[in-house]
PDB file of N, CA and C in Angstrom:
ATOM      1  N   MET A   1      10.716  -0.054 -21.483  1.00  0.00           N
ATOM      2  CA  MET A   1      10.978  -0.849 -21.190  1.00  0.00           C
ATOM      3  C   MET A   1       9.867  -2.436 -20.531  1.00  0.00           C
ATOM      4  N   MET A   2      10.201  -2.858 -20.288  1.00  0.00           N
ATOM      5  CA  MET A   2       9.267  -3.879 -20.310  1.00  0.00           C
ATOM      6  C   MET A   2       9.534  -4.597 -19.436  1.00  0.00           C
ATOM      7  N   HIS A   3       8.269  -4.946 -18.469  1.00  0.00           N
ATOM      8  CA  HIS A   3       8.908  -5.398 -16.717  1.00  0.00           C
ATOM      9  C   HIS A   3       7.760  -6.573 -16.816  1.00  0.00           C
ATOM     10  N   ILE A   4       8.252  -7.839 -16.472  1.00  0.00           N
ATOM     11  CA  ILE A   4       7.681  -9.635 -16.246  1.00  0.00           C
ATOM     12  C   ILE A   4       8.056  -9.600 -14.703  1.00  0.00           C
ATOM     13  N   GLY A   5       6.582  -9.831 -14.458  1.00  0.00           N
ATOM     14  CA  GLY A   5       6.573 -10.416 -13.529  1.00  0.00           C
ATOM     15  C   GLY A   5       6.288 -11.450 -13.406  1.00  0.00           C
ATOM     16  N   ALA A   6       7.017 -12.916 -12.582  1.00  0.00           N
ATOM     17  CA  ALA A   6       6.122 -13.829 -12.633  1.00  0.00           C
ATOM     18  C   ALA A   6       6.472 -14.806 -11.205  1.00  0.00           C
ATOM     19  N   ALA A   7       5.652 -15.463 -11.103  1.00  0.00           N
ATOM     20  CA  ALA A   7       5.308 -15.948  -9.082  1.00  0.00           C
ATOM     21  C   ALA A   7       4.877 -17.597  -9.547  1.00  0.00           C
ATOM     22  N   ARG A   8       5.609 -18.772  -8.183  1.00  0.00           N
ATOM     23  CA  ARG A   8       4.993 -19.654  -8.242  1.00  0.00           C
ATOM     24  C   ARG A   8       4.023 -19.636  -6.832  1.00  0.00           C
ATOM     25  N   VAL A   9       3.447 -20.467  -7.013  1.00  0.00           N
ATOM     26  CA  VAL A   9       2.448 -20.630  -6.410  1.00  0.00           C
ATOM     27  C   VAL A   9       1.959 -22.189  -5.551  1.00  0.00           C
ATOM     28  N   THR A  10       2.196 -22.035  -4.891  1.00  0.00           N
ATOM     29  CA  THR A  10       2.143 -23.458  -3.947  1.00  0.00           C
ATOM     30  C   THR A  10       0.906 -23.670  -3.339  1.00  0.00           C
ATOM     31  N   LEU A  11      -0.230 -25.035  -3.423  1.00  0.00           N
ATOM     32  CA  LEU A  11      -1.250 -24.499  -3.362  1.00  0.00           C
ATOM     33  C   LEU A  11      -1.052 -26.857  -2.766  1.00  0.00           C
ATOM     34  N   PHE A  12      -1.191 -26.135  -1.217  1.00  0.00           N
ATOM     35  CA  PHE A  12      -1.906 -28.039  -0.965  1.00  0.00           C
ATOM     36  C   PHE A  12      -3.477 -27.803  -0.780  1.00  0.00           C
ATOM     37  N   LEU A  13      -3.913 -29.587  -1.642  1.00  0.00           N
ATOM     38  CA  LEU A  13      -4.505 -29.890  -1.553  1.00  0.00           C
ATOM     39  C   LEU A  13      -4.787 -31.443  -0.024  1.00  0.00           C
ATOM     40  N   PRO A  14      -5.228 -30.603   0.736  1.00  0.00           N
ATOM     41  CA  PRO A  14      -4.857 -32.020   1.760  1.00  0.00           C
ATOM     42  C   PRO A  14      -6.315 -33.427   1.554  1.00  0.00           C
ATOM     43  N   GLU A  15      -7.436 -32.681   0.554  1.00  0.00           N
ATOM     44  CA  GLU A  15      -8.662 -33.834   1.295  1.00  0.00           C
ATOM     45  C   GLU A  15      -8.642 -34.548  -0.209  1.00  0.00           C
ATOM     46  N   SER A  16      -7.233 -34.276  -1.400  1.00  0.00           N
ATOM     47  CA  SER A  16      -7.404 -34.302  -2.565  1.00  0.00           C
ATOM     48  C   SER A  16      -7.561 -36.126  -2.464  1.00  0.00           C
ATOM     49  N   MET A  17      -8.398 -36.965  -3.545  1.00  0.00           N
ATOM     50  CA  MET A  17      -8.021 -38.542  -2.741  1.00  0.00           C
ATOM     51  C   MET A  17      -7.432 -39.000  -4.220  1.00  0.00           C
ATOM     52  N   SER A  18      -7.346 -37.848  -5.474  1.00  0.00           N
ATOM     53  CA  SER A  18      -6.898 -39.079  -7.062  1.00  0.00           C
ATOM     54  C   SER A  18      -6.157 -37.419  -7.160  1.00  0.00           C
ATOM     55  N   LEU A  19      -5.647 -38.378  -8.411  1.00  0.00           N
ATOM     56  CA  LEU A  19      -4.988 -36.875  -8.968  1.00  0.00           C
ATOM     57  C   LEU A  19      -6.611 -36.471  -9.699  1.00  0.00           C
ATOM     58  N   LYS A  20      -7.276 -37.282 -10.424  1.00  0.00           N
ATOM     59  CA  LYS A  20      -8.292 -36.665 -11.150  1.00  0.00           C
ATOM     60  C   LYS A  20      -9.429 -35.255 -10.171  1.00  0.00           C
ATOM     61  N   GLU A  21      -9.149 -35.923  -8.434  1.00  0.00           N
ATOM     62  CA  GLU A  21     -10.125 -34.565  -8.187  1.00  0.00           C
ATOM     63  C   GLU A  21      -8.330 -33.378  -8.135  1.00  0.00           C
ATOM     64  N   LYS A  22      -7.530 -33.730  -7.730  1.00  0.00           N
ATOM     65  CA  LYS A  22      -6.839 -32.647  -7.771  1.00  0.00           C
ATOM     66  C   LYS A  22      -6.654 -31.753  -9.218  1.00  0.00           C
ATOM     67  N   ARG A  23      -6.977 -32.116 -10.456  1.00  0.00           N
ATOM     68  CA  ARG A  23      -6.691 -31.772 -11.794  1.00  0.00           C
ATOM     69  C   ARG A  23      -7.646 -31.080 -11.286  1.00  0.00           C
ATOM     70  N   GLY A  24      -8.744 -31.274 -11.055  1.00  0.00           N
ATOM     71  CA  GLY A  24     -10.172 -30.482 -11.072  1.00  0.00           C
ATOM     72  C   GLY A  24     -10.221 -29.596 -10.340  1.00  0.00           C
ATOM     73  N   VAL A  25      -9.721 -29.501  -9.275  1.00  0.00           N
ATOM     74  CA  VAL A  25      -9.438 -28.188  -8.455  1.00  0.00           C
ATOM     75  C   VAL A  25      -8.706 -27.453  -9.024  1.00  0.00           C
ATOM     76  N   VAL A  26      -7.708 -27.766  -9.080  1.00  0.00           N
ATOM     77  CA  VAL A  26      -6.487 -26.899 -10.157  1.00  0.00           C
ATOM     78  C   VAL A  26      -6.634 -25.887 -11.111  1.00  0.00           C
ATOM     79  N   LYS A  27      -7.392 -26.944 -12.342  1.00  0.00           N
ATOM     80  CA  LYS A  27      -7.794 -27.062 -13.120  1.00  0.00           C
ATOM     81  C   LYS A  27      -8.820 -25.495 -13.428  1.00  0.00           C
ATOM     82  N   SER A  28      -9.582 -26.217 -12.213  1.00  0.00           N
ATOM     83  CA  SER A  28     -11.241 -24.279 -12.036  1.00  0.00           C
ATOM     84  C   SER A  28      -9.828 -23.367 -12.078  1.00  0.00           C
ATOM     85  N   ILE A  29      -8.836 -22.925 -10.583  1.00  0.00           N
ATOM     86  CA  ILE A  29      -9.153 -21.846 -10.125  1.00  0.00           C
ATOM     87  C   ILE A  29      -7.670 -21.723 -11.305  1.00  0.00           C
ATOM     88  N   VAL A  30      -7.108 -22.215 -11.609  1.00  0.00           N
ATOM     89  CA  VAL A  30      -6.348 -21.819 -13.787  1.00  0.00           C
ATOM     90  C   VAL A  30      -7.480 -21.238 -14.383  1.00  0.00           C
ATOM     91  N   ASP A  31      -8.258 -21.484 -14.784  1.00  0.00           N
ATOM     92  CA  ASP A  31      -8.954 -21.296 -15.906  1.00  0.00           C
ATOM     93  C   ASP A  31      -9.579 -19.777 -15.275  1.00  0.00           C
ATOM     94  N   ARG A  32     -10.011 -20.003 -14.045  1.00  0.00           N
ATOM     95  CA  ARG A  32     -10.758 -18.630 -14.141  1.00  0.00           C
ATOM     96  C   ARG A  32      -9.669 -17.608 -13.877  1.00  0.00           C
ATOM     97  N   SER A  33      -9.253 -17.734 -12.621  1.00  0.00           N
ATOM     98  CA  SER A  33      -7.380 -16.496 -13.117  1.00  0.00           C
ATOM     99  C   SER A  33      -7.091 -16.081 -14.074  1.00  0.00           C
ATOM    100  N   ARG A  34      -7.085 -16.675 -15.367  1.00  0.00           N
ATOM    101  CA  ARG A  34      -6.507 -16.581 -16.530  1.00  0.00           C
ATOM    102  C   ARG A  34      -7.699 -15.986 -17.124  1.00  0.00           C
ATOM    103  N   HIS A  35      -8.990 -16.138 -16.865  1.00  0.00           N
ATOM    104  CA  HIS A  35     -10.020 -15.146 -17.749  1.00  0.00           C
ATOM    105  C   HIS A  35     -10.056 -14.101 -16.981  1.00  0.00           C
ATOM    106  N   ARG A  36      -9.851 -14.157 -15.787  1.00  0.00           N
ATOM    107  CA  ARG A  36     -10.186 -13.102 -14.831  1.00  0.00           C
ATOM    108  C   ARG A  36      -9.146 -11.788 -15.127  1.00  0.00           C
ATOM    109  N   PHE A  37      -7.944 -12.305 -15.326  1.00  0.00           N
ATOM    110  CA  PHE A  37      -6.667 -11.239 -14.953  1.00  0.00           C
ATOM    111  C   PHE A  37      -5.754 -11.541 -16.933  1.00  0.00           C
ATOM    112  N   ASN A  38      -6.167 -12.262 -17.113  1.00  0.00           N
ATOM    113  CA  ASN A  38      -5.709 -12.502 -18.438  1.00  0.00           C
ATOM    114  C   ASN A  38      -4.324 -12.110 -18.524  1.00  0.00           C
ATOM    115  N   ALA A  39      -3.709 -13.443 -17.732  1.00  0.00           N
ATOM    116  CA  ALA A  39      -2.462 -13.623 -16.653  1.00  0.00           C
ATOM    117  C   ALA A  39      -2.193 -14.480 -17.853  1.00  0.00           C
ATOM    118  N   ALA A  40      -1.002 -15.165 -17.843  1.00  0.00           N
ATOM    119  CA  ALA A  40      -0.226 -16.762 -18.498  1.00  0.00           C
ATOM    120  C   ALA A  40      -0.171 -17.461 -16.919  1.00  0.00           C
ATOM    121  N   ILE A  41      -1.336 -18.494 -17.202  1.00  0.00           N
ATOM    122  CA  ILE A  41      -1.364 -19.396 -15.599  1.00  0.00           C
ATOM    123  C   ILE A  41      -1.689 -20.907 -15.880  1.00  0.00           C
ATOM    124  N   SER A  42      -0.247 -21.560 -15.086  1.00  0.00           N
ATOM    125  CA  SER A  42      -0.270 -23.232 -15.848  1.00  0.00           C
ATOM    126  C   SER A  42       0.052 -23.796 -14.577  1.00  0.00           C
ATOM    127  N   GLU A  43      -0.177 -25.207 -14.472  1.00  0.00           N
ATOM    128  CA  GLU A  43       0.249 -25.496 -12.844  1.00  0.00           C
ATOM    129  C   GLU A  43       1.580 -26.253 -13.488  1.00  0.00           C
ATOM    130  N   VAL A  44       2.719 -25.794 -12.915  1.00  0.00           N
ATOM    131  CA  VAL A  44       4.083 -26.158 -13.727  1.00  0.00           C
ATOM    132  C   VAL A  44       5.067 -27.042 -13.013  1.00  0.00           C
ATOM    133  N   GLU A  45       4.680 -28.095 -11.452  1.00  0.00           N
ATOM    134  CA  GLU A  45       5.746 -28.552 -10.942  1.00  0.00           C
ATOM    135  C   GLU A  45       4.293 -29.773 -10.200  1.00  0.00           C
ATOM    136  N   ASP A  46       4.917 -30.670  -9.492  1.00  0.00           N
ATOM    137  CA  ASP A  46       4.229 -31.684  -8.253  1.00  0.00           C
ATOM    138  C   ASP A  46       2.840 -32.142  -9.250  1.00  0.00           C
ATOM    139  N   LEU A  47       2.846 -32.712 -10.457  1.00  0.00           N
ATOM    140  CA  LEU A  47       2.088 -32.505 -11.501  1.00  0.00           C
ATOM    141  C   LEU A  47       1.676 -34.308 -10.864  1.00  0.00           C
ATOM    142  N   ASN A  48       2.406 -34.315 -10.420  1.00  0.00           N
ATOM    143  CA  ASN A  48       1.736 -35.673 -10.067  1.00  0.00           C
ATOM    144  C   ASN A  48       1.484 -36.377  -8.563  1.00  0.00           C
ATOM    145  N   ASP A  49       1.900 -35.312  -8.017  1.00  0.00           N
ATOM    146  CA  ASP A  49       1.164 -35.375  -6.509  1.00  0.00           C
ATOM    147  C   ASP A  49       0.124 -34.750  -6.073  1.00  0.00           C
ATOM    148  N   LEU A  50      -0.497 -36.299  -5.007  1.00  0.00           N
ATOM    149  CA  LEU A  50      -2.286 -35.756  -4.777  1.00  0.00           C
ATOM    150  C   LEU A  50      -2.545 -34.562  -4.335  1.00  0.00           C
ATOM    151  N   ARG A  51      -1.203 -34.063  -3.484  1.00  0.00           N
ATOM    152  CA  ARG A  51      -2.152 -33.074  -2.526  1.00  0.00           C
ATOM    153  C   ARG A  51      -1.014 -31.492  -2.289  1.00  0.00           C
ATOM    154  N   VAL A  52      -0.038 -31.658  -3.562  1.00  0.00           N
ATOM    155  CA  VAL A  52       0.375 -30.678  -3.873  1.00  0.00           C
ATOM    156  C   VAL A  52       0.202 -30.170  -5.424  1.00  0.00           C
ATOM    157  N   ALA A  53       0.032 -29.011  -5.739  1.00  0.00           N
ATOM    158  CA  ALA A  53       0.069 -28.018  -6.839  1.00  0.00           C
ATOM    159  C   ALA A  53       1.255 -27.035  -6.777  1.00  0.00           C
ATOM    160  N   THR A  54       1.926 -26.914  -7.926  1.00  0.00           N
ATOM    161  CA  THR A  54       2.754 -25.631  -8.314  1.00  0.00           C
ATOM    162  C   THR A  54       2.519 -24.782  -9.144  1.00  0.00           C
ATOM    163  N   ILE A  55       1.537 -23.530  -9.486  1.00  0.00           N
ATOM    164  CA  ILE A  55       1.191 -23.165 -10.226  1.00  0.00           C
ATOM    165  C   ILE A  55       2.059 -21.521 -10.803  1.00  0.00           C
ATOM    166  N   GLY A  56       2.269 -21.580 -11.844  1.00  0.00           N
ATOM    167  CA  GLY A  56       3.278 -20.964 -12.529  1.00  0.00           C
ATOM    168  C   GLY A  56       2.434 -19.405 -13.006  1.00  0.00           C
ATOM    169  N   ILE A  57       2.876 -17.962 -12.916  1.00  0.00           N
ATOM    170  CA  ILE A  57       2.171 -17.272 -13.345  1.00  0.00           C
ATOM    171  C   ILE A  57       2.983 -16.016 -14.003  1.00  0.00           C
ATOM    172  N   THR A  58       2.338 -15.673 -14.655  1.00  0.00           N
ATOM    173  CA  THR A  58       3.063 -14.422 -15.917  1.00  0.00           C
ATOM    174  C   THR A  58       2.734 -13.156 -16.314  1.00  0.00           C
ATOM    175  N   VAL A  59       2.791 -12.193 -15.687  1.00  0.00           N
ATOM    176  CA  VAL A  59       2.572 -11.476 -16.410  1.00  0.00           C
ATOM    177  C   VAL A  59       3.415  -9.892 -17.223  1.00  0.00           C
ATOM    178  N   VAL A  60       2.992  -8.908 -17.934  1.00  0.00           N
ATOM    179  CA  VAL A  60       3.865  -8.350 -18.492  1.00  0.00           C
ATOM    180  C   VAL A  60       3.432  -6.651 -18.657  1.00  0.00           C
ATOM    181  N   SER A  61       4.274  -6.026 -18.699  1.00  0.00           N
ATOM    182  CA  SER A  61       3.341  -4.468 -17.634  1.00  0.00           C
ATOM    183  C   SER A  61       5.128  -3.452 -18.098  1.00  0.00           C
ATOM    184  N   ASN A  62       4.667  -1.880 -18.161  1.00  0.00           N
ATOM    185  CA  ASN A  62       5.518  -0.611 -18.931  1.00  0.00           C
ATOM    186  C   ASN A  62       5.932  -0.635 -17.230  1.00  0.00           C
ATOM    187  N   ASP A  63       5.339  -0.834 -16.636  1.00  0.00           N
ATOM    188  CA  ASP A  63       5.932  -1.007 -15.174  1.00  0.00           C
ATOM    189  C   ASP A  63       6.116  -1.716 -14.003  1.00  0.00           C
ATOM    190  N   SER A  64       7.678  -1.282 -13.277  1.00  0.00           N
ATOM    191  CA  SER A  64       7.499  -2.566 -12.471  1.00  0.00           C
ATOM    192  C   SER A  64       6.614  -2.784 -11.348  1.00  0.00           C
ATOM    193  N   ARG A  65       6.178  -1.504 -10.526  1.00  0.00           N
ATOM    194  CA  ARG A  65       4.908  -1.376  -9.536  1.00  0.00           C
ATOM    195  C   ARG A  65       4.166  -2.343  -9.827  1.00  0.00           C
ATOM    196  N   HIS A  66       3.375  -1.945 -11.277  1.00  0.00           N
ATOM    197  CA  HIS A  66       1.620  -2.066 -11.972  1.00  0.00           C
ATOM    198  C   HIS A  66       2.226  -3.819 -11.916  1.00  0.00           C
ATOM    199  N   ALA A  67       3.330  -4.305 -12.670  1.00  0.00           N
ATOM    200  CA  ALA A  67       3.639  -6.166 -12.503  1.00  0.00           C
ATOM    201  C   ALA A  67       3.896  -6.475 -11.176  1.00  0.00           C
ATOM    202  N   ASP A  68       4.056  -5.843 -10.110  1.00  0.00           N
ATOM    203  CA  ASP A  68       4.716  -6.819  -9.191  1.00  0.00           C
ATOM    204  C   ASP A  68       2.645  -6.390  -8.720  1.00  0.00           C
ATOM    205  N   GLU A  69       2.112  -5.666  -8.746  1.00  0.00           N
ATOM    206  CA  GLU A  69       0.538  -5.693  -7.965  1.00  0.00           C
ATOM    207  C   GLU A  69      -0.189  -6.345  -8.661  1.00  0.00           C
ATOM    208  N   MET A  70      -0.239  -6.419 -10.193  1.00  0.00           N
ATOM    209  CA  MET A  70      -0.609  -7.683 -10.305  1.00  0.00           C
ATOM    210  C   MET A  70      -0.819  -8.836  -9.957  1.00  0.00           C
ATOM    211  N   LEU A  71       0.339  -9.557  -9.656  1.00  0.00           N
ATOM    212  CA  LEU A  71       0.987 -10.917  -9.337  1.00  0.00           C
ATOM    213  C   LEU A  71       0.305 -10.569  -8.144  1.00  0.00           C
ATOM    214  N   GLN A  72      -0.003  -9.777  -7.186  1.00  0.00           N
ATOM    215  CA  GLN A  72      -0.028  -9.682  -5.807  1.00  0.00           C
ATOM    216  C   GLN A  72      -2.033  -9.910  -6.003  1.00  0.00           C
ATOM    217  N   VAL A  73      -2.539  -9.374  -6.858  1.00  0.00           N
ATOM    218  CA  VAL A  73      -3.851  -9.165  -6.627  1.00  0.00           C
ATOM    219  C   VAL A  73      -4.211 -10.440  -7.391  1.00  0.00           C
ATOM    220  N   ILE A  74      -3.501 -11.681  -7.924  1.00  0.00           N
ATOM    221  CA  ILE A  74      -3.375 -12.569  -8.576  1.00  0.00           C
ATOM    222  C   ILE A  74      -3.720 -13.491  -7.512  1.00  0.00           C
ATOM    223  N   VAL A  75      -3.071 -13.826  -7.020  1.00  0.00           N
ATOM    224  CA  VAL A  75      -2.448 -14.254  -5.877  1.00  0.00           C
ATOM    225  C   VAL A  75      -3.356 -14.221  -4.569  1.00  0.00           C
ATOM    226  N   GLY A  76      -4.093 -12.964  -4.507  1.00  0.00           N
ATOM    227  CA  GLY A  76      -5.225 -13.459  -3.760  1.00  0.00           C
ATOM    228  C   GLY A  76      -5.590 -14.023  -4.294  1.00  0.00           C
ATOM    229  N   PHE A  77      -6.253 -13.325  -4.891  1.00  0.00           N
ATOM    230  CA  PHE A  77      -7.735 -14.602  -5.588  1.00  0.00           C
ATOM    231  C   PHE A  77      -7.523 -15.794  -5.805  1.00  0.00           C
ATOM    232  N   ILE A  78      -6.226 -16.487  -6.079  1.00  0.00           N
ATOM    233  CA  ILE A  78      -6.073 -17.246  -6.109  1.00  0.00           C
ATOM    234  C   ILE A  78      -6.313 -18.400  -4.158  1.00  0.00           C
ATOM    235  N   GLU A  79      -5.801 -16.935  -3.168  1.00  0.00           N
ATOM    236  CA  GLU A  79      -6.191 -18.126  -1.685  1.00  0.00           C
ATOM    237  C   GLU A  79      -7.442 -17.957  -1.553  1.00  0.00           C
ATOM    238  N   ARG A  80      -8.125 -16.588  -1.790  1.00  0.00           N
ATOM    239  CA  ARG A  80     -10.338 -16.756  -1.571  1.00  0.00           C
ATOM    240  C   ARG A  80     -10.274 -18.271  -2.215  1.00  0.00           C
ATOM    241  N   GLU A  81      -9.728 -17.842  -3.739  1.00  0.00           N
ATOM    242  CA  GLU A  81     -11.041 -18.890  -4.858  1.00  0.00           C
ATOM    243  C   GLU A  81     -10.568 -20.174  -4.469  1.00  0.00           C
ATOM    244  N   ALA A  82      -9.319 -20.766  -4.499  1.00  0.00           N
ATOM    245  CA  ALA A  82      -9.030 -22.192  -4.382  1.00  0.00           C
ATOM    246  C   ALA A  82      -9.897 -22.719  -3.732  1.00  0.00           C
ATOM    247  N   ASP A  83      -9.878 -24.327  -3.421  1.00  0.00           N
ATOM    248  CA  ASP A  83     -10.322 -25.334  -2.751  1.00  0.00           C
ATOM    249  C   ASP A  83      -9.676 -25.236  -2.123  1.00  0.00           C
ATOM    250  N   ALA A  84      -8.165 -25.189  -1.273  1.00  0.00           N
ATOM    251  CA  ALA A  84      -7.030 -25.176  -1.251  1.00  0.00           C
ATOM    252  C   ALA A  84      -6.139 -24.717  -0.225  1.00  0.00           C
ATOM    253  N   ASP A  85      -5.288 -25.052   0.310  1.00  0.00           N
ATOM    254  CA  ASP A  85      -4.827 -23.915   1.352  1.00  0.00           C
ATOM    255  C   ASP A  85      -3.309 -22.892   0.481  1.00  0.00           C
ATOM    256  N   LEU A  86      -3.745 -22.236   0.678  1.00  0.00           N
ATOM    257  CA  LEU A  86      -2.115 -20.907   0.204  1.00  0.00           C
ATOM    258  C   LEU A  86      -0.534 -22.416   0.834  1.00  0.00           C
ATOM    259  N   GLY A  87       0.543 -21.802  -0.268  1.00  0.00           N
ATOM    260  CA  GLY A  87       1.626 -22.189   0.730  1.00  0.00           C
ATOM    261  C   GLY A  87       2.572 -21.409   0.223  1.00  0.00           C
ATOM    262  N   GLU A  88       4.135 -22.385  -0.043  1.00  0.00           N
ATOM    263  CA  GLU A  88       4.854 -20.873  -0.144  1.00  0.00           C
ATOM    264  C   GLU A  88       4.490 -19.747  -1.630  1.00  0.00           C
ATOM    265  N   VAL A  89       4.749 -18.346  -0.899  1.00  0.00           N
ATOM    266  CA  VAL A  89       4.655 -17.758  -2.913  1.00  0.00           C
ATOM    267  C   VAL A  89       5.614 -17.376  -3.024  1.00  0.00           C
ATOM    268  N   GLU A  90       6.421 -17.261  -4.281  1.00  0.00           N
ATOM    269  CA  GLU A  90       7.455 -16.850  -5.144  1.00  0.00           C
ATOM    270  C   GLU A  90       7.160 -15.418  -5.712  1.00  0.00           C
ATOM    271  N   THR A  91       7.556 -14.648  -5.697  1.00  0.00           N
ATOM    272  CA  THR A  91       7.425 -13.877  -6.964  1.00  0.00           C
ATOM    273  C   THR A  91       8.978 -12.990  -7.476  1.00  0.00           C
ATOM    274  N   GLU A  92       9.178 -12.461  -9.183  1.00  0.00           N
ATOM    275  CA  GLU A  92       9.809 -12.157  -9.248  1.00  0.00           C
ATOM    276  C   GLU A  92       9.811 -10.876 -10.484  1.00  0.00           C
ATOM    277  N   ILE A  93      10.664  -9.581 -10.426  1.00  0.00           N
ATOM    278  CA  ILE A  93      10.252  -8.824 -11.663  1.00  0.00           C
ATOM    279  C   ILE A  93      11.149  -8.961 -12.524  1.00  0.00           C
ATOM    280  N   LEU A  94      11.109  -8.960 -13.578  1.00  0.00           N
ATOM    281  CA  LEU A  94      12.801  -9.038 -14.506  1.00  0.00           C
ATOM    282  C   LEU A  94      12.328  -7.569 -15.676  1.00  0.00           C
ATOM    283  N   THR A  95      13.138  -7.407 -15.589  1.00  0.00           N
ATOM    284  CA  THR A  95      13.171  -5.900 -16.493  1.00  0.00           C
ATOM    285  C   THR A  95      14.413  -5.719 -18.023  1.00  0.00           C
ATOM    286  N   PHE A  96      13.543  -5.591 -18.911  1.00  0.00           N
ATOM    287  CA  PHE A  96      14.311  -5.701 -20.129  1.00  0.00           C
ATOM    288  C   PHE A  96      14.027  -4.587 -21.131  1.00  0.00           C
TER     289      PHE A  96
END
């Protein structure tokens, strides 16, 4: 069986004064997360909002618990490393 873990993470950037500044913060955390965890990560919503970023994360595993654990580790990394405040986090595991 294949298990796909998906997460949507909202980040708040209260001090962001421009889209360029926001994109720099988001690009930094997305790139570092992608390379560290070998996961698919991208900004997926709120692209034109100066102070909110929504990041989508996807992982694939042969074990649903492992997929969920991978998501939790990535979200924890983002919470610690991002120059932003963590907002809502939604996760889901799909089985095929």
